[in-house]
Amino acid sequence: MLLAALPTDAGQTPIDAGVSREGARLLTTTRLLLDSSLNTDQEMRDLLQDLELVLVQVARLEPTRHREELRFIRASLDEHDIVPRVREAVAISP
């Protein structure tokens, strides 16, 4: 999972540009799911909205200037319990 794989302490090491590209790809998928008429579960909708906000941040990560952005992303992930909620949703889905 992209979000769980984000470094916790990035230091000065550049982040691979593929992280931003994957974030953008997942953001597109998340937005499609949010817009789907099949999305009637409010809990899932709330999760997708929280996930969308974080993925916007991931998609905009710059490879060399990312230390502060990663802190904001980590704070959002922790504040909204996104990773555990995604894992739970995946485990429940058919």
N, C-alpha and C. Protein backbone atom coordinates (compact mmCIF):
# COMPACT_ATOMS: atom_id res chain seq x y z
N MET A 1 0.84 -1.17 0.00
CA MET A 1 0.00 0.00 0.00
C MET A 1 0.89 1.24 0.00
N LEU A 2 0.62 2.13 -0.89
CA LEU A 2 1.42 3.34 -1.06
C LEU A 2 1.52 4.15 0.23
N LEU A 3 0.42 4.36 0.91
CA LEU A 3 0.41 5.21 2.09
C LEU A 3 1.22 4.61 3.23
N ALA A 4 1.13 3.31 3.41
CA ALA A 4 1.89 2.65 4.46
C ALA A 4 3.37 2.62 4.14
N ALA A 5 3.72 2.71 2.86
CA ALA A 5 5.11 2.65 2.43
C ALA A 5 5.81 4.01 2.45
N LEU A 6 5.08 5.08 2.69
CA LEU A 6 5.72 6.40 2.74
C LEU A 6 6.71 6.43 3.90
N PRO A 7 7.88 7.02 3.68
CA PRO A 7 8.87 7.06 4.75
C PRO A 7 8.37 7.86 5.95
N THR A 8 8.73 7.41 7.14
CA THR A 8 8.34 8.14 8.34
C THR A 8 9.33 9.25 8.63
N ASP A 9 10.58 9.05 8.27
CA ASP A 9 11.62 10.06 8.44
C ASP A 9 12.37 10.17 7.13
N ALA A 10 11.99 11.12 6.31
CA ALA A 10 12.56 11.23 4.97
C ALA A 10 13.96 11.82 4.96
N GLY A 11 14.32 12.58 5.99
CA GLY A 11 15.64 13.20 5.99
C GLY A 11 15.84 14.02 4.73
N GLN A 12 17.00 13.92 4.15
CA GLN A 12 17.30 14.64 2.92
C GLN A 12 17.26 13.75 1.70
N THR A 13 16.90 12.48 1.86
CA THR A 13 16.84 11.55 0.75
C THR A 13 15.66 11.90 -0.16
N PRO A 14 15.92 12.08 -1.46
CA PRO A 14 14.81 12.39 -2.38
C PRO A 14 13.82 11.23 -2.47
N ILE A 15 12.57 11.57 -2.62
CA ILE A 15 11.53 10.55 -2.81
C ILE A 15 11.45 10.24 -4.29
N ASP A 16 11.30 8.99 -4.61
CA ASP A 16 11.16 8.56 -5.99
C ASP A 16 9.95 9.24 -6.62
N ALA A 17 10.10 9.74 -7.84
CA ALA A 17 9.00 10.43 -8.55
C ALA A 17 7.83 9.48 -8.77
N GLY A 18 8.09 8.19 -8.75
CA GLY A 18 7.02 7.21 -8.92
C GLY A 18 5.98 7.28 -7.81
N VAL A 19 6.39 7.75 -6.64
CA VAL A 19 5.45 7.89 -5.52
C VAL A 19 4.37 8.91 -5.88
N SER A 20 4.78 10.04 -6.43
CA SER A 20 3.81 11.07 -6.84
C SER A 20 2.92 10.58 -7.97
N ARG A 21 3.52 9.87 -8.92
CA ARG A 21 2.72 9.35 -10.04
C ARG A 21 1.69 8.33 -9.54
N GLU A 22 2.11 7.45 -8.65
CA GLU A 22 1.17 6.46 -8.10
C GLU A 22 0.10 7.15 -7.27
N GLY A 23 0.48 8.19 -6.53
CA GLY A 23 -0.51 8.96 -5.78
C GLY A 23 -1.54 9.59 -6.70
N ALA A 24 -1.09 10.12 -7.83
CA ALA A 24 -2.01 10.73 -8.80
C ALA A 24 -2.94 9.68 -9.40
N ARG A 25 -2.39 8.50 -9.70
CA ARG A 25 -3.21 7.42 -10.27
C ARG A 25 -4.28 6.98 -9.27
N LEU A 26 -3.87 6.81 -8.02
CA LEU A 26 -4.82 6.41 -6.99
C LEU A 26 -5.84 7.51 -6.69
N LEU A 27 -5.42 8.75 -6.83
CA LEU A 27 -6.35 9.86 -6.65
C LEU A 27 -7.44 9.82 -7.70
N THR A 28 -7.07 9.55 -8.93
CA THR A 28 -8.06 9.44 -10.01
C THR A 28 -9.05 8.32 -9.71
N THR A 29 -8.54 7.17 -9.30
CA THR A 29 -9.40 6.03 -8.97
C THR A 29 -10.32 6.36 -7.81
N THR A 30 -9.78 7.03 -6.80
CA THR A 30 -10.59 7.41 -5.63
C THR A 30 -11.72 8.35 -6.04
N ARG A 31 -11.41 9.29 -6.89
CA ARG A 31 -12.45 10.23 -7.35
C ARG A 31 -13.52 9.53 -8.18
N LEU A 32 -13.11 8.56 -8.97
CA LEU A 32 -14.10 7.78 -9.73
C LEU A 32 -15.02 7.01 -8.79
N LEU A 33 -14.45 6.43 -7.75
CA LEU A 33 -15.25 5.70 -6.78
C LEU A 33 -16.20 6.64 -6.03
N LEU A 34 -15.72 7.82 -5.70
CA LEU A 34 -16.59 8.80 -5.02
C LEU A 34 -17.77 9.20 -5.90
N ASP A 35 -17.53 9.32 -7.19
CA ASP A 35 -18.57 9.75 -8.12
C ASP A 35 -19.49 8.62 -8.57
N SER A 36 -19.16 7.40 -8.22
CA SER A 36 -19.94 6.25 -8.65
C SER A 36 -21.33 6.24 -8.00
N SER A 37 -22.30 5.90 -8.78
CA SER A 37 -23.67 5.79 -8.24
C SER A 37 -23.81 4.55 -7.35
N LEU A 38 -22.85 3.65 -7.44
CA LEU A 38 -22.88 2.44 -6.60
C LEU A 38 -22.37 2.72 -5.19
N ASN A 39 -21.77 3.85 -4.99
CA ASN A 39 -21.20 4.20 -3.70
C ASN A 39 -22.27 4.78 -2.79
N THR A 40 -22.98 3.90 -2.07
CA THR A 40 -24.07 4.34 -1.20
C THR A 40 -23.74 4.17 0.28
N ASP A 41 -22.64 3.51 0.59
CA ASP A 41 -22.23 3.28 1.97
C ASP A 41 -21.55 4.55 2.51
N GLN A 42 -22.14 5.16 3.53
CA GLN A 42 -21.62 6.43 4.06
C GLN A 42 -20.23 6.26 4.67
N GLU A 43 -19.98 5.15 5.34
CA GLU A 43 -18.64 4.91 5.91
C GLU A 43 -17.58 4.86 4.82
N MET A 44 -17.90 4.17 3.71
CA MET A 44 -16.95 4.08 2.60
C MET A 44 -16.77 5.45 1.96
N ARG A 45 -17.83 6.19 1.85
CA ARG A 45 -17.75 7.53 1.26
C ARG A 45 -16.86 8.44 2.12
N ASP A 46 -17.02 8.36 3.44
CA ASP A 46 -16.19 9.14 4.35
C ASP A 46 -14.72 8.75 4.21
N LEU A 47 -14.46 7.46 4.13
CA LEU A 47 -13.09 6.98 3.96
C LEU A 47 -12.50 7.49 2.65
N LEU A 48 -13.26 7.38 1.57
CA LEU A 48 -12.77 7.85 0.27
C LEU A 48 -12.49 9.34 0.27
N GLN A 49 -13.31 10.12 0.96
CA GLN A 49 -13.08 11.56 1.03
C GLN A 49 -11.80 11.87 1.82
N ASP A 50 -11.59 11.18 2.93
CA ASP A 50 -10.35 11.36 3.69
C ASP A 50 -9.14 10.93 2.87
N LEU A 51 -9.29 9.82 2.19
CA LEU A 51 -8.21 9.30 1.35
C LEU A 51 -7.90 10.27 0.21
N GLU A 52 -8.93 10.85 -0.37
CA GLU A 52 -8.73 11.81 -1.46
C GLU A 52 -7.85 12.98 -1.02
N LEU A 53 -8.11 13.51 0.16
CA LEU A 53 -7.33 14.65 0.65
C LEU A 53 -5.85 14.29 0.81
N VAL A 54 -5.58 13.11 1.32
CA VAL A 54 -4.19 12.68 1.50
C VAL A 54 -3.53 12.41 0.15
N LEU A 55 -4.26 11.78 -0.77
CA LEU A 55 -3.68 11.47 -2.07
C LEU A 55 -3.37 12.73 -2.88
N VAL A 56 -4.13 13.79 -2.67
CA VAL A 56 -3.80 15.07 -3.32
C VAL A 56 -2.42 15.52 -2.84
N GLN A 57 -2.16 15.39 -1.57
CA GLN A 57 -0.86 15.77 -1.02
C GLN A 57 0.25 14.88 -1.56
N VAL A 58 0.00 13.58 -1.64
CA VAL A 58 1.01 12.65 -2.16
C VAL A 58 1.29 12.94 -3.63
N ALA A 59 0.26 13.20 -4.40
CA ALA A 59 0.43 13.46 -5.83
C ALA A 59 1.24 14.73 -6.08
N ARG A 60 1.22 15.63 -5.13
CA ARG A 60 1.94 16.91 -5.30
C ARG A 60 3.33 16.90 -4.66
N LEU A 61 3.75 15.77 -4.10
CA LEU A 61 5.08 15.69 -3.49
C LEU A 61 6.17 15.99 -4.51
N GLU A 62 7.09 16.82 -4.10
CA GLU A 62 8.25 17.11 -4.95
C GLU A 62 9.40 16.25 -4.46
N PRO A 63 10.13 15.61 -5.37
CA PRO A 63 11.19 14.68 -4.97
C PRO A 63 12.25 15.27 -4.04
N THR A 64 12.56 16.54 -4.16
CA THR A 64 13.63 17.10 -3.33
C THR A 64 13.14 17.99 -2.19
N ARG A 65 11.89 18.42 -2.22
CA ARG A 65 11.37 19.28 -1.16
C ARG A 65 10.14 18.63 -0.56
N HIS A 66 10.35 17.67 0.29
CA HIS A 66 9.23 16.86 0.75
C HIS A 66 9.13 16.69 2.26
N ARG A 67 10.10 17.15 2.99
CA ARG A 67 10.12 16.89 4.43
C ARG A 67 8.85 17.39 5.13
N GLU A 68 8.49 18.65 4.92
CA GLU A 68 7.27 19.21 5.53
C GLU A 68 6.01 18.54 5.01
N GLU A 69 5.98 18.29 3.69
CA GLU A 69 4.80 17.65 3.11
C GLU A 69 4.56 16.29 3.72
N LEU A 70 5.64 15.53 3.93
CA LEU A 70 5.50 14.21 4.54
C LEU A 70 4.96 14.31 5.97
N ARG A 71 5.37 15.33 6.68
CA ARG A 71 4.84 15.51 8.04
C ARG A 71 3.33 15.76 8.01
N PHE A 72 2.90 16.60 7.05
CA PHE A 72 1.46 16.87 6.93
C PHE A 72 0.70 15.61 6.52
N ILE A 73 1.27 14.86 5.59
CA ILE A 73 0.63 13.62 5.14
C ILE A 73 0.52 12.64 6.29
N ARG A 74 1.61 12.43 7.02
CA ARG A 74 1.60 11.52 8.16
C ARG A 74 0.59 11.97 9.21
N ALA A 75 0.53 13.27 9.46
CA ALA A 75 -0.43 13.80 10.44
C ALA A 75 -1.86 13.50 10.00
N SER A 76 -2.15 13.69 8.72
CA SER A 76 -3.49 13.39 8.19
C SER A 76 -3.81 11.91 8.30
N LEU A 77 -2.84 11.08 7.94
CA LEU A 77 -3.04 9.63 8.02
C LEU A 77 -3.36 9.21 9.45
N ASP A 78 -2.59 9.76 10.40
CA ASP A 78 -2.79 9.41 11.80
C ASP A 78 -4.08 9.98 12.36
N GLU A 79 -4.34 11.24 12.05
CA GLU A 79 -5.53 11.92 12.59
C GLU A 79 -6.83 11.25 12.17
N HIS A 80 -6.87 10.78 10.94
CA HIS A 80 -8.09 10.17 10.41
C HIS A 80 -8.05 8.65 10.37
N ASP A 81 -7.00 8.04 10.94
CA ASP A 81 -6.85 6.57 10.97
C ASP A 81 -7.07 5.96 9.59
N ILE A 82 -6.49 6.55 8.58
CA ILE A 82 -6.77 6.14 7.20
C ILE A 82 -6.25 4.75 6.88
N VAL A 83 -5.00 4.46 7.23
CA VAL A 83 -4.43 3.15 6.87
C VAL A 83 -5.22 2.02 7.51
N PRO A 84 -5.53 2.05 8.81
CA PRO A 84 -6.34 0.97 9.38
C PRO A 84 -7.73 0.87 8.75
N ARG A 85 -8.32 2.00 8.42
CA ARG A 85 -9.65 1.99 7.81
C ARG A 85 -9.61 1.38 6.41
N VAL A 86 -8.55 1.68 5.64
CA VAL A 86 -8.42 1.10 4.31
C VAL A 86 -8.22 -0.42 4.44
N ARG A 87 -7.37 -0.83 5.35
CA ARG A 87 -7.14 -2.27 5.56
C ARG A 87 -8.43 -2.99 5.95
N GLU A 88 -9.20 -2.37 6.82
CA GLU A 88 -10.48 -2.96 7.24
C GLU A 88 -11.44 -3.05 6.06
N ALA A 89 -11.51 -2.00 5.25
CA ALA A 89 -12.40 -1.98 4.09
C ALA A 89 -12.00 -3.07 3.08
N VAL A 90 -10.71 -3.26 2.90
CA VAL A 90 -10.23 -4.28 1.97
C VAL A 90 -10.56 -5.68 2.50
N ALA A 91 -10.42 -5.87 3.80
CA ALA A 91 -10.71 -7.17 4.39
C ALA A 91 -12.19 -7.53 4.33
N ILE A 92 -13.04 -6.51 4.37
CA ILE A 92 -14.49 -6.72 4.35
C ILE A 92 -15.01 -6.90 2.92
N SER A 93 -14.38 -6.25 1.96
CA SER A 93 -14.91 -6.26 0.58
C SER A 93 -14.94 -7.66 0.01
N PRO A 94 -15.97 -7.93 -0.82
CA PRO A 94 -16.13 -9.27 -1.40
C PRO A 94 -15.07 -9.60 -2.43
